[in-house]
Amino acid sequence: MRILGIETSCDETSAAVVSDELTVLSNIALSQDTIHAPYGGIVPELASRQHIRSIPYVVAESLERAGAALAEIDAFAVTQGPGLIGSLLVGVSFAKSLAYSTSKPLVPVDHLESHVYSAFIESRDIAYPVLALLVSGGHTSLIRMDRPLDFRLVGKTRDDAAGEALDKIAKFLELGYPGGPVIDRLAAKGDSERFTFAIPQMSDGSLDFSFSGFKTAGLRLIKRLGLRREHPDFFDFLASFEAAVIHSLLHNLERALETWEPRSLILCGGVARNQKLRARFRAFAGRKGMPAYIPSPELCTDNAAMVAALGHLRLAKDPGRGLDLALNAYPRP
């Protein structure tokens, strides 16, 4: 069975073909970074407009690289949400048209769940129960899986996501867009213990995250010190801010281990490309004596391979699924 996945939840237009045993035959992703860079962030209207322009070519390229004709695709999977509603609707509408014209099943996929499942593409023997730390520009979540397709959200951000906080600091310092990878690179030159940031604690004892306080504290320190590239504390600030964000992520993960008893840990999402986060996560798992799984960088970002892979599993569990023309996108989890 070959499934074509489509992902347009934010600003990447992606299509992929995945076959049995989660073999990725193609995974094409077209970034919009150059379009949004002048604005220092994603402009939703521009994102959806670019998806409309790009999606026919991205899907065609994914089929060509997979060596498959459209008629040879057995089913379609598409990101239904959460994400930018305009962007999502482009992917959902395009996937509907393909499924309708070929009389093939259409499988809706949750964006957050597909990020978690991206780890299974490269590691098939992950032991359940699983606790996943999902870190991206729009979401920071803790997700528990006791068995396949059993996704339970046990912690989420109440304001800014971790990646969003990093991007906003980078934007304020005029480091370019996207800011997270820039900070990852520049922070390696600084002392991560030079500045300290308080770790937020939820008054209700939940496992939720909060990064707006980090962002505000960082912006105040930038203004107070007059930080710019030539400032002697510039690299130390970036290293300290990045370290504080990572510490907050792992602090909640450790608290989650006290409540839940997973056998495996997963780190996923776009921010999971951050080299220091990857290293700290592996070290954390090693101290706990648990296996840690982190997808390859190209599977951490928004991509259609993870959508097709999860769609493959859902279709296997429900082989009678057909085409639902009433399928709609949803912007929030």
C-alpha atoms as a PDB file:
ATOM      1  CA  MET A   1       0.000   0.000   0.000  1.00  0.00           C
ATOM      2  CA  ARG A   2       1.229   3.484  -0.874  1.00  0.00           C
ATOM      3  CA  ILE A   3      -0.153   6.574   0.830  1.00  0.00           C
ATOM      4  CA  LEU A   4       0.405  10.137  -0.308  1.00  0.00           C
ATOM      5  CA  GLY A   5       0.546  12.611   2.583  1.00  0.00           C
ATOM      6  CA  ILE A   6      -0.006  16.360   2.395  1.00  0.00           C
ATOM      7  CA  GLU A   7       1.111  18.845   5.047  1.00  0.00           C
ATOM      8  CA  THR A   8       0.237  22.581   4.918  1.00  0.00           C
ATOM      9  CA  SER A   9      -0.408  23.450   8.557  1.00  0.00           C
ATOM     10  CA  CYS A  10       1.827  26.502   8.621  1.00  0.00           C
ATOM     11  CA  ASP A  11       4.425  27.719   6.113  1.00  0.00           C
ATOM     12  CA  GLU A  12       5.911  24.523   4.663  1.00  0.00           C
ATOM     13  CA  THR A  13       4.242  22.983   1.638  1.00  0.00           C
ATOM     14  CA  SER A  14       5.035  19.286   1.840  1.00  0.00           C
ATOM     15  CA  ALA A  15       4.014  16.059   0.136  1.00  0.00           C
ATOM     16  CA  ALA A  16       5.350  12.541   0.653  1.00  0.00           C
ATOM     17  CA  VAL A  17       4.719   8.974  -0.412  1.00  0.00           C
ATOM     18  CA  VAL A  18       5.049   6.258   2.224  1.00  0.00           C
ATOM     19  CA  SER A  19       4.630   2.537   1.584  1.00  0.00           C
ATOM     20  CA  ASP A  20       4.266  -0.515   3.798  1.00  0.00           C
ATOM     21  CA  GLU A  21       6.564  -0.822   6.825  1.00  0.00           C
ATOM     22  CA  LEU A  22       6.673   3.009   6.865  1.00  0.00           C
ATOM     23  CA  THR A  23       9.183   3.142   4.035  1.00  0.00           C
ATOM     24  CA  VAL A  24       9.516   6.759   2.888  1.00  0.00           C
ATOM     25  CA  LEU A  25       9.629   6.755  -0.912  1.00  0.00           C
ATOM     26  CA  SER A  26       9.678  10.540  -1.163  1.00  0.00           C
ATOM     27  CA  ASN A  27       9.375  13.524   1.162  1.00  0.00           C
ATOM     28  CA  ILE A  28       9.294  16.949  -0.472  1.00  0.00           C
ATOM     29  CA  ALA A  29       9.055  20.141   1.586  1.00  0.00           C
ATOM     30  CA  LEU A  30       9.093  23.660   0.167  1.00  0.00           C
ATOM     31  CA  SER A  31       9.971  26.329   2.709  1.00  0.00           C
ATOM     32  CA  GLN A  32       8.551  29.857   2.706  1.00  0.00           C
ATOM     33  CA  ASP A  33      11.321  31.359   4.849  1.00  0.00           C
ATOM     34  CA  THR A  34      12.400  33.899   2.222  1.00  0.00           C
ATOM     35  CA  ILE A  35       8.801  35.099   1.853  1.00  0.00           C
ATOM     36  CA  HIS A  36       8.248  35.724   5.558  1.00  0.00           C
ATOM     37  CA  ALA A  37      11.786  36.827   6.489  1.00  0.00           C
ATOM     38  CA  PRO A  38      11.184  40.562   5.749  1.00  0.00           C
ATOM     39  CA  TYR A  39       8.358  40.536   8.312  1.00  0.00           C
ATOM     40  CA  GLY A  40      10.266  38.647  11.004  1.00  0.00           C
ATOM     41  CA  GLY A  41       7.480  36.077  11.294  1.00  0.00           C
ATOM     42  CA  ILE A  42       4.794  34.197   9.423  1.00  0.00           C
ATOM     43  CA  VAL A  43       2.118  36.267   7.672  1.00  0.00           C
ATOM     44  CA  PRO A  44      -0.896  33.913   7.449  1.00  0.00           C
ATOM     45  CA  GLU A  45      -2.336  35.404   4.264  1.00  0.00           C
ATOM     46  CA  LEU A  46       0.987  35.124   2.450  1.00  0.00           C
ATOM     47  CA  ALA A  47       1.423  31.564   3.701  1.00  0.00           C
ATOM     48  CA  SER A  48      -1.917  30.327   2.382  1.00  0.00           C
ATOM     49  CA  ARG A  49      -1.438  32.123  -0.931  1.00  0.00           C
ATOM     50  CA  GLN A  50       1.963  30.489  -1.423  1.00  0.00           C
ATOM     51  CA  HIS A  51       0.529  27.071  -0.583  1.00  0.00           C
ATOM     52  CA  ILE A  52      -1.987  27.510  -3.411  1.00  0.00           C
ATOM     53  CA  ARG A  53       0.838  28.280  -5.818  1.00  0.00           C
ATOM     54  CA  SER A  54       3.144  25.506  -4.648  1.00  0.00           C
ATOM     55  CA  ILE A  55       1.024  22.486  -3.795  1.00  0.00           C
ATOM     56  CA  PRO A  56       0.448  21.134  -7.355  1.00  0.00           C
ATOM     57  CA  TYR A  57       4.179  21.128  -8.062  1.00  0.00           C
ATOM     58  CA  VAL A  58       5.164  19.705  -4.661  1.00  0.00           C
ATOM     59  CA  VAL A  59       2.683  16.823  -4.992  1.00  0.00           C
ATOM     60  CA  ALA A  60       3.829  16.125  -8.562  1.00  0.00           C
ATOM     61  CA  GLU A  61       7.475  16.085  -7.439  1.00  0.00           C
ATOM     62  CA  SER A  62       6.724  13.702  -4.573  1.00  0.00           C
ATOM     63  CA  LEU A  63       5.031  11.274  -6.976  1.00  0.00           C
ATOM     64  CA  GLU A  64       7.895  11.489  -9.466  1.00  0.00           C
ATOM     65  CA  ARG A  65      10.576  10.842  -6.838  1.00  0.00           C
ATOM     66  CA  ALA A  66       8.557   7.933  -5.460  1.00  0.00           C
ATOM     67  CA  GLY A  67       8.276   6.477  -8.951  1.00  0.00           C
ATOM     68  CA  ALA A  68       4.504   6.334  -8.656  1.00  0.00           C
ATOM     69  CA  ALA A  69       1.638   7.570 -10.775  1.00  0.00           C
ATOM     70  CA  LEU A  70      -1.366   9.144  -9.078  1.00  0.00           C
ATOM     71  CA  ALA A  71      -3.477   6.114 -10.020  1.00  0.00           C
ATOM     72  CA  GLU A  72      -1.044   3.893  -8.087  1.00  0.00           C
ATOM     73  CA  ILE A  73      -1.654   5.723  -4.803  1.00  0.00           C
ATOM     74  CA  ASP A  74      -3.932   3.658  -2.556  1.00  0.00           C
ATOM     75  CA  ALA A  75      -4.997   6.421  -0.135  1.00  0.00           C
ATOM     76  CA  PHE A  76      -4.375  10.022   0.840  1.00  0.00           C
ATOM     77  CA  ALA A  77      -3.578  11.491   4.255  1.00  0.00           C
ATOM     78  CA  VAL A  78      -3.743  15.179   5.092  1.00  0.00           C
ATOM     79  CA  THR A  79      -3.091  17.388   8.091  1.00  0.00           C
ATOM     80  CA  GLN A  80      -6.489  18.512   9.366  1.00  0.00           C
ATOM     81  CA  GLY A  81      -5.191  20.679  12.231  1.00  0.00           C
ATOM     82  CA  PRO A  82      -4.121  22.402  14.333  1.00  0.00           C
ATOM     83  CA  GLY A  83      -2.427  25.212  12.431  1.00  0.00           C
ATOM     84  CA  LEU A  84      -3.184  28.319  10.401  1.00  0.00           C
ATOM     85  CA  ILE A  85      -6.720  27.867   9.126  1.00  0.00           C
ATOM     86  CA  GLY A  86      -6.036  29.332   5.667  1.00  0.00           C
ATOM     87  CA  SER A  87      -2.993  27.136   5.160  1.00  0.00           C
ATOM     88  CA  LEU A  88      -4.784  24.032   6.414  1.00  0.00           C
ATOM     89  CA  LEU A  89      -7.715  24.563   4.074  1.00  0.00           C
ATOM     90  CA  VAL A  90      -5.408  24.568   1.055  1.00  0.00           C
ATOM     91  CA  GLY A  91      -4.053  21.123   1.939  1.00  0.00           C
ATOM     92  CA  VAL A  92      -7.415  19.679   2.955  1.00  0.00           C
ATOM     93  CA  SER A  93      -9.122  20.936  -0.211  1.00  0.00           C
ATOM     94  CA  PHE A  94      -6.359  19.629  -2.454  1.00  0.00           C
ATOM     95  CA  ALA A  95      -6.350  16.225  -0.744  1.00  0.00           C
ATOM     96  CA  LYS A  96     -10.140  16.018  -1.037  1.00  0.00           C
ATOM     97  CA  SER A  97      -9.945  16.690  -4.767  1.00  0.00           C
ATOM     98  CA  LEU A  98      -7.323  13.968  -5.263  1.00  0.00           C
ATOM     99  CA  ALA A  99      -9.277  11.423  -3.217  1.00  0.00           C
ATOM    100  CA  TYR A 100     -12.533  12.278  -4.975  1.00  0.00           C
ATOM    101  CA  SER A 101     -11.064  12.135  -8.483  1.00  0.00           C
ATOM    102  CA  THR A 102      -9.421   8.739  -7.838  1.00  0.00           C
ATOM    103  CA  SER A 103     -12.149   7.256  -5.575  1.00  0.00           C
ATOM    104  CA  LYS A 104      -9.565   6.500  -2.894  1.00  0.00           C
ATOM    105  CA  PRO A 105      -9.787   6.828   0.921  1.00  0.00           C
ATOM    106  CA  LEU A 106      -8.894  10.106   2.617  1.00  0.00           C
ATOM    107  CA  VAL A 107      -7.403   9.953   6.115  1.00  0.00           C
ATOM    108  CA  PRO A 108      -7.368  13.119   8.292  1.00  0.00           C
ATOM    109  CA  VAL A 109      -4.356  13.439  10.580  1.00  0.00           C
ATOM    110  CA  ASP A 110      -3.707  15.580  13.651  1.00  0.00           C
ATOM    111  CA  HIS A 111      -0.549  17.677  13.277  1.00  0.00           C
ATOM    112  CA  LEU A 112       0.696  17.148  16.836  1.00  0.00           C
ATOM    113  CA  GLU A 113       0.106  13.404  16.716  1.00  0.00           C
ATOM    114  CA  SER A 114       2.000  13.134  13.433  1.00  0.00           C
ATOM    115  CA  HIS A 115       5.002  14.899  14.987  1.00  0.00           C
ATOM    116  CA  VAL A 116       5.065  12.282  17.747  1.00  0.00           C
ATOM    117  CA  TYR A 117       4.684   9.485  15.230  1.00  0.00           C
ATOM    118  CA  SER A 118       7.616  10.796  13.169  1.00  0.00           C
ATOM    119  CA  ALA A 119       9.925   9.005  15.622  1.00  0.00           C
ATOM    120  CA  PHE A 120       8.402   5.652  14.632  1.00  0.00           C
ATOM    121  CA  ILE A 121       9.452   6.089  10.993  1.00  0.00           C
ATOM    122  CA  GLU A 122      13.090   5.517  11.922  1.00  0.00           C
ATOM    123  CA  SER A 123      12.594   3.426  15.071  1.00  0.00           C
ATOM    124  CA  ARG A 124       9.944   0.699  14.785  1.00  0.00           C
ATOM    125  CA  ASP A 125      10.527  -0.945  18.172  1.00  0.00           C
ATOM    126  CA  ILE A 126       9.734   1.941  20.542  1.00  0.00           C
ATOM    127  CA  ALA A 127       8.300   0.401  23.711  1.00  0.00           C
ATOM    128  CA  TYR A 128       4.996   1.588  25.147  1.00  0.00           C
ATOM    129  CA  PRO A 129       4.000   3.502  27.161  1.00  0.00           C
ATOM    130  CA  VAL A 130       5.724   6.475  25.532  1.00  0.00           C
ATOM    131  CA  LEU A 131       6.104  10.023  26.811  1.00  0.00           C
ATOM    132  CA  ALA A 132       6.784  12.574  24.064  1.00  0.00           C
ATOM    133  CA  LEU A 133       8.057  16.124  24.438  1.00  0.00           C
ATOM    134  CA  LEU A 134       6.867  18.069  21.389  1.00  0.00           C
ATOM    135  CA  VAL A 135       8.611  21.417  20.897  1.00  0.00           C
ATOM    136  CA  SER A 136       7.898  23.684  17.939  1.00  0.00           C
ATOM    137  CA  GLY A 137       7.285  27.302  17.022  1.00  0.00           C
ATOM    138  CA  GLY A 138       3.560  26.985  17.657  1.00  0.00           C
ATOM    139  CA  HIS A 139       3.280  24.184  20.204  1.00  0.00           C
ATOM    140  CA  THR A 140       5.002  22.910  23.314  1.00  0.00           C
ATOM    141  CA  SER A 141       3.308  19.787  24.621  1.00  0.00           C
ATOM    142  CA  LEU A 142       3.724  16.610  26.618  1.00  0.00           C
ATOM    143  CA  ILE A 143       1.922  13.674  25.009  1.00  0.00           C
ATOM    144  CA  ARG A 144       1.530  10.183  26.437  1.00  0.00           C
ATOM    145  CA  MET A 145       0.879   7.046  24.400  1.00  0.00           C
ATOM    146  CA  ASP A 146      -0.043   3.809  26.157  1.00  0.00           C
ATOM    147  CA  ARG A 147      -0.541   1.996  22.840  1.00  0.00           C
ATOM    148  CA  PRO A 148      -0.586   2.816  19.103  1.00  0.00           C
ATOM    149  CA  LEU A 149      -2.983   5.647  18.175  1.00  0.00           C
ATOM    150  CA  ASP A 150      -3.641   6.411  21.859  1.00  0.00           C
ATOM    151  CA  PHE A 151      -2.459  10.025  22.081  1.00  0.00           C
ATOM    152  CA  ARG A 152      -3.165  11.826  25.363  1.00  0.00           C
ATOM    153  CA  LEU A 153      -2.202  15.450  25.908  1.00  0.00           C
ATOM    154  CA  VAL A 154      -0.898  15.741  29.490  1.00  0.00           C
ATOM    155  CA  GLY A 155       0.769  19.160  29.283  1.00  0.00           C
ATOM    156  CA  LYS A 156       0.707  22.160  26.955  1.00  0.00           C
ATOM    157  CA  THR A 157       1.850  25.759  26.781  1.00  0.00           C
ATOM    158  CA  ARG A 158      -0.536  28.337  28.186  1.00  0.00           C
ATOM    159  CA  ASP A 159       0.910  31.204  26.171  1.00  0.00           C
ATOM    160  CA  ASP A 160       3.987  31.339  23.943  1.00  0.00           C
ATOM    161  CA  ALA A 161       5.563  28.128  22.695  1.00  0.00           C
ATOM    162  CA  ALA A 162       9.283  27.549  23.264  1.00  0.00           C
ATOM    163  CA  GLY A 163      10.142  28.097  19.610  1.00  0.00           C
ATOM    164  CA  GLU A 164       8.030  31.233  19.505  1.00  0.00           C
ATOM    165  CA  ALA A 165       9.942  32.707  22.454  1.00  0.00           C
ATOM    166  CA  LEU A 166      13.272  32.015  20.735  1.00  0.00           C
ATOM    167  CA  ASP A 167      12.028  33.494  17.452  1.00  0.00           C
ATOM    168  CA  LYS A 168      10.779  36.673  19.143  1.00  0.00           C
ATOM    169  CA  ILE A 169      14.083  37.248  20.919  1.00  0.00           C
ATOM    170  CA  ALA A 170      15.884  36.758  17.612  1.00  0.00           C
ATOM    171  CA  LYS A 171      13.514  39.176  15.895  1.00  0.00           C
ATOM    172  CA  PHE A 172      14.072  41.846  18.558  1.00  0.00           C
ATOM    173  CA  LEU A 173      17.839  41.452  18.133  1.00  0.00           C
ATOM    174  CA  GLU A 174      17.451  41.550  14.330  1.00  0.00           C
ATOM    175  CA  LEU A 175      19.144  38.174  13.898  1.00  0.00           C
ATOM    176  CA  GLY A 176      16.986  37.090  10.971  1.00  0.00           C
ATOM    177  CA  TYR A 177      14.154  34.636  10.451  1.00  0.00           C
ATOM    178  CA  PRO A 178      13.633  31.909  11.479  1.00  0.00           C
ATOM    179  CA  GLY A 179      15.380  32.913  14.669  1.00  0.00           C
ATOM    180  CA  GLY A 180      15.615  29.617  16.529  1.00  0.00           C
ATOM    181  CA  PRO A 181      18.321  28.076  14.311  1.00  0.00           C
ATOM    182  CA  VAL A 182      20.288  31.347  14.415  1.00  0.00           C
ATOM    183  CA  ILE A 183      20.258  31.368  18.225  1.00  0.00           C
ATOM    184  CA  ASP A 184      21.241  27.692  18.234  1.00  0.00           C
ATOM    185  CA  ARG A 185      24.350  28.555  16.214  1.00  0.00           C
ATOM    186  CA  LEU A 186      25.345  31.797  17.965  1.00  0.00           C
ATOM    187  CA  ALA A 187      24.659  30.564  21.494  1.00  0.00           C
ATOM    188  CA  ALA A 188      27.493  28.058  21.112  1.00  0.00           C
ATOM    189  CA  LYS A 189      29.892  31.012  21.479  1.00  0.00           C
ATOM    190  CA  GLY A 190      28.538  32.107  24.874  1.00  0.00           C
ATOM    191  CA  ASP A 191      28.505  31.188  28.552  1.00  0.00           C
ATOM    192  CA  SER A 192      25.123  29.655  29.395  1.00  0.00           C
ATOM    193  CA  GLU A 193      25.576  30.430  33.115  1.00  0.00           C
ATOM    194  CA  ARG A 194      26.205  34.156  32.704  1.00  0.00           C
ATOM    195  CA  PHE A 195      22.541  35.141  33.194  1.00  0.00           C
ATOM    196  CA  THR A 196      19.759  33.400  35.102  1.00  0.00           C
ATOM    197  CA  PHE A 197      16.037  33.243  34.350  1.00  0.00           C
ATOM    198  CA  ALA A 198      13.343  32.077  36.759  1.00  0.00           C
ATOM    199  CA  ILE A 199      11.568  28.863  35.758  1.00  0.00           C
ATOM    200  CA  PRO A 200       7.757  29.343  35.727  1.00  0.00           C
ATOM    201  CA  GLN A 201       5.732  27.123  38.049  1.00  0.00           C
ATOM    202  CA  MET A 202       2.036  26.443  37.485  1.00  0.00           C
ATOM    203  CA  SER A 203       0.046  27.314  40.627  1.00  0.00           C
ATOM    204  CA  ASP A 204      -2.361  24.443  39.959  1.00  0.00           C
ATOM    205  CA  GLY A 205       0.452  21.884  39.851  1.00  0.00           C
ATOM    206  CA  SER A 206      -0.221  20.974  36.212  1.00  0.00           C
ATOM    207  CA  LEU A 207       2.413  19.939  33.677  1.00  0.00           C
ATOM    208  CA  ASP A 208       1.653  22.954  31.473  1.00  0.00           C
ATOM    209  CA  PHE A 209       4.385  25.224  30.129  1.00  0.00           C
ATOM    210  CA  SER A 210       4.708  29.004  29.988  1.00  0.00           C
ATOM    211  CA  PHE A 211       7.292  30.934  27.993  1.00  0.00           C
ATOM    212  CA  SER A 212       5.855  34.453  27.871  1.00  0.00           C
ATOM    213  CA  GLY A 213       7.666  35.256  31.107  1.00  0.00           C
ATOM    214  CA  PHE A 214      10.968  34.111  29.610  1.00  0.00           C
ATOM    215  CA  LYS A 215      10.359  36.285  26.573  1.00  0.00           C
ATOM    216  CA  THR A 216       9.481  39.349  28.655  1.00  0.00           C
ATOM    217  CA  ALA A 217      12.483  38.891  30.959  1.00  0.00           C
ATOM    218  CA  GLY A 218      14.743  38.472  27.955  1.00  0.00           C
ATOM    219  CA  LEU A 219      13.433  41.590  26.235  1.00  0.00           C
ATOM    220  CA  ARG A 220      13.855  43.645  29.416  1.00  0.00           C
ATOM    221  CA  LEU A 221      17.447  42.472  29.792  1.00  0.00           C
ATOM    222  CA  ILE A 222      18.187  43.289  26.164  1.00  0.00           C
ATOM    223  CA  LYS A 223      16.865  46.823  26.651  1.00  0.00           C
ATOM    224  CA  ARG A 224      18.606  47.345  29.994  1.00  0.00           C
ATOM    225  CA  LEU A 225      21.998  46.233  28.702  1.00  0.00           C
ATOM    226  CA  GLY A 226      21.559  47.672  25.224  1.00  0.00           C
ATOM    227  CA  LEU A 227      22.471  44.299  23.753  1.00  0.00           C
ATOM    228  CA  ARG A 228      23.640  44.140  20.157  1.00  0.00           C
ATOM    229  CA  ARG A 229      26.111  41.910  18.337  1.00  0.00           C
ATOM    230  CA  GLU A 230      29.062  44.061  19.366  1.00  0.00           C
ATOM    231  CA  HIS A 231      28.103  44.001  23.072  1.00  0.00           C
ATOM    232  CA  PRO A 232      30.471  41.841  25.191  1.00  0.00           C
ATOM    233  CA  ASP A 233      27.509  40.029  26.791  1.00  0.00           C
ATOM    234  CA  PHE A 234      25.705  39.317  23.520  1.00  0.00           C
ATOM    235  CA  PHE A 235      26.670  35.662  23.089  1.00  0.00           C
ATOM    236  CA  ASP A 236      26.403  34.962  26.818  1.00  0.00           C
ATOM    237  CA  PHE A 237      22.839  36.279  26.803  1.00  0.00           C
ATOM    238  CA  LEU A 238      21.831  34.045  23.879  1.00  0.00           C
ATOM    239  CA  ALA A 239      23.437  31.005  25.525  1.00  0.00           C
ATOM    240  CA  SER A 240      21.773  31.746  28.861  1.00  0.00           C
ATOM    241  CA  PHE A 241      18.344  32.349  27.347  1.00  0.00           C
ATOM    242  CA  GLU A 242      18.511  29.185  25.270  1.00  0.00           C
ATOM    243  CA  ALA A 243      19.688  27.172  28.288  1.00  0.00           C
ATOM    244  CA  ALA A 244      16.809  28.495  30.389  1.00  0.00           C
ATOM    245  CA  VAL A 245      14.255  27.440  27.784  1.00  0.00           C
ATOM    246  CA  ILE A 246      15.792  23.969  27.591  1.00  0.00           C
ATOM    247  CA  HIS A 247      15.918  23.706  31.383  1.00  0.00           C
ATOM    248  CA  SER A 248      12.220  24.563  31.601  1.00  0.00           C
ATOM    249  CA  LEU A 249      11.350  21.890  29.027  1.00  0.00           C
ATOM    250  CA  LEU A 250      13.302  19.178  30.807  1.00  0.00           C
ATOM    251  CA  HIS A 251      12.062  20.325  34.226  1.00  0.00           C
ATOM    252  CA  ASN A 252       8.470  19.610  33.206  1.00  0.00           C
ATOM    253  CA  LEU A 253       9.507  16.373  31.543  1.00  0.00           C
ATOM    254  CA  GLU A 254      11.100  15.229  34.792  1.00  0.00           C
ATOM    255  CA  ARG A 255       7.948  16.147  36.719  1.00  0.00           C
ATOM    256  CA  ALA A 256       5.926  14.142  34.194  1.00  0.00           C
ATOM    257  CA  LEU A 257       8.055  11.076  34.891  1.00  0.00           C
ATOM    258  CA  GLU A 258       7.014  11.295  38.523  1.00  0.00           C
ATOM    259  CA  THR A 259       3.351  11.082  37.488  1.00  0.00           C
ATOM    260  CA  TRP A 260       3.584   8.719  34.542  1.00  0.00           C
ATOM    261  CA  GLU A 261       5.853   5.710  34.159  1.00  0.00           C
ATOM    262  CA  PRO A 262       6.851   5.532  30.485  1.00  0.00           C
ATOM    263  CA  ARG A 263       9.261   3.001  29.034  1.00  0.00           C
ATOM    264  CA  SER A 264      10.443   5.305  26.235  1.00  0.00           C
ATOM    265  CA  LEU A 265      10.974   9.032  25.678  1.00  0.00           C
ATOM    266  CA  ILE A 266      10.529  10.934  22.403  1.00  0.00           C
ATOM    267  CA  LEU A 267      11.662  14.434  21.492  1.00  0.00           C
ATOM    268  CA  CYS A 268       9.991  15.831  18.368  1.00  0.00           C
ATOM    269  CA  GLY A 269       8.891  19.026  16.626  1.00  0.00           C
ATOM    270  CA  GLY A 270      10.805  21.746  14.797  1.00  0.00           C
ATOM    271  CA  VAL A 271      12.760  22.926  17.842  1.00  0.00           C
ATOM    272  CA  ALA A 272      13.989  19.340  18.312  1.00  0.00           C
ATOM    273  CA  ARG A 273      16.581  20.223  15.656  1.00  0.00           C
ATOM    274  CA  ASN A 274      18.321  22.375  18.283  1.00  0.00           C
ATOM    275  CA  GLN A 275      21.652  20.670  18.937  1.00  0.00           C
ATOM    276  CA  LYS A 276      21.872  21.537  22.621  1.00  0.00           C
ATOM    277  CA  LEU A 277      18.317  20.404  23.271  1.00  0.00           C
ATOM    278  CA  ARG A 278      19.022  17.103  21.521  1.00  0.00           C
ATOM    279  CA  ALA A 279      22.171  16.592  23.604  1.00  0.00           C
ATOM    280  CA  ARG A 280      20.529  17.558  26.886  1.00  0.00           C
ATOM    281  CA  PHE A 281      17.520  15.330  26.142  1.00  0.00           C
ATOM    282  CA  ARG A 282      19.741  12.324  25.457  1.00  0.00           C
ATOM    283  CA  ALA A 283      21.725  13.009  28.628  1.00  0.00           C
ATOM    284  CA  PHE A 284      18.496  13.329  30.626  1.00  0.00           C
ATOM    285  CA  ALA A 285      17.190  10.018  29.298  1.00  0.00           C
ATOM    286  CA  GLY A 286      20.532   8.394  30.013  1.00  0.00           C
ATOM    287  CA  ARG A 287      20.418   9.496  33.653  1.00  0.00           C
ATOM    288  CA  LYS A 288      16.927   8.034  33.927  1.00  0.00           C
ATOM    289  CA  GLY A 289      18.031   4.796  32.277  1.00  0.00           C
ATOM    290  CA  MET A 290      15.474   5.165  29.490  1.00  0.00           C
ATOM    291  CA  PRO A 291      15.776   4.888  25.699  1.00  0.00           C
ATOM    292  CA  ALA A 292      15.492   8.240  23.924  1.00  0.00           C
ATOM    293  CA  TYR A 293      14.232   8.670  20.371  1.00  0.00           C
ATOM    294  CA  ILE A 294      14.722  11.838  18.323  1.00  0.00           C
ATOM    295  CA  PRO A 295      13.786  11.974  14.627  1.00  0.00           C
ATOM    296  CA  SER A 296      16.328  13.115  12.065  1.00  0.00           C
ATOM    297  CA  PRO A 297      16.299  16.910  11.593  1.00  0.00           C
ATOM    298  CA  GLU A 298      14.369  16.643   8.312  1.00  0.00           C
ATOM    299  CA  LEU A 299      11.617  14.707  10.104  1.00  0.00           C
ATOM    300  CA  CYS A 300      11.477  17.200  12.984  1.00  0.00           C
ATOM    301  CA  THR A 301      10.245  20.073  10.842  1.00  0.00           C
ATOM    302  CA  ASP A 302       6.730  20.071   9.374  1.00  0.00           C
ATOM    303  CA  ASN A 303       6.797  17.353   6.726  1.00  0.00           C
ATOM    304  CA  ALA A 304       4.353  15.088   4.928  1.00  0.00           C
ATOM    305  CA  ALA A 305       6.209  11.831   5.605  1.00  0.00           C
ATOM    306  CA  MET A 306       4.997  11.865   9.208  1.00  0.00           C
ATOM    307  CA  VAL A 307       1.464  12.634   7.985  1.00  0.00           C
ATOM    308  CA  ALA A 308       1.496   9.734   5.515  1.00  0.00           C
ATOM    309  CA  ALA A 309       3.027   7.378   8.103  1.00  0.00           C
ATOM    310  CA  LEU A 310       0.349   8.098  10.694  1.00  0.00           C
ATOM    311  CA  GLY A 311      -2.305   7.946   7.977  1.00  0.00           C
ATOM    312  CA  HIS A 312      -0.972   4.512   7.036  1.00  0.00           C
ATOM    313  CA  LEU A 313      -1.455   3.269  10.598  1.00  0.00           C
ATOM    314  CA  ARG A 314      -4.932   4.772  10.902  1.00  0.00           C
ATOM    315  CA  LEU A 315      -6.032   3.195   7.634  1.00  0.00           C
ATOM    316  CA  ALA A 316      -4.655  -0.180   8.705  1.00  0.00           C
ATOM    317  CA  LYS A 317      -6.776   0.043  11.864  1.00  0.00           C
ATOM    318  CA  ASP A 318      -9.831   1.145   9.875  1.00  0.00           C
ATOM    319  CA  PRO A 319      -9.541  -0.371   6.367  1.00  0.00           C
ATOM    320  CA  GLY A 320     -13.151   0.484   5.551  1.00  0.00           C
ATOM    321  CA  ARG A 321     -12.490   4.227   5.708  1.00  0.00           C
ATOM    322  CA  GLY A 322     -13.655   6.071   2.610  1.00  0.00           C
ATOM    323  CA  LEU A 323     -13.909   9.685   1.468  1.00  0.00           C
ATOM    324  CA  ASP A 324     -15.571  12.226   3.727  1.00  0.00           C
ATOM    325  CA  LEU A 325     -16.341  15.312   1.636  1.00  0.00           C
ATOM    326  CA  ALA A 326     -17.519  17.114   4.786  1.00  0.00           C
ATOM    327  CA  LEU A 327     -13.977  16.895   6.229  1.00  0.00           C
ATOM    328  CA  ASN A 328     -12.914  20.312   7.462  1.00  0.00           C
ATOM    329  CA  ALA A 329      -9.810  21.881   9.002  1.00  0.00           C
ATOM    330  CA  TYR A 330      -9.531  23.008  12.603  1.00  0.00           C
ATOM    331  CA  PRO A 331      -7.104  25.743  13.714  1.00  0.00           C
ATOM    332  CA  ARG A 332      -6.580  24.753  17.359  1.00  0.00           C
ATOM    333  CA  PRO A 333      -6.163  21.477  19.266  1.00  0.00           C
END
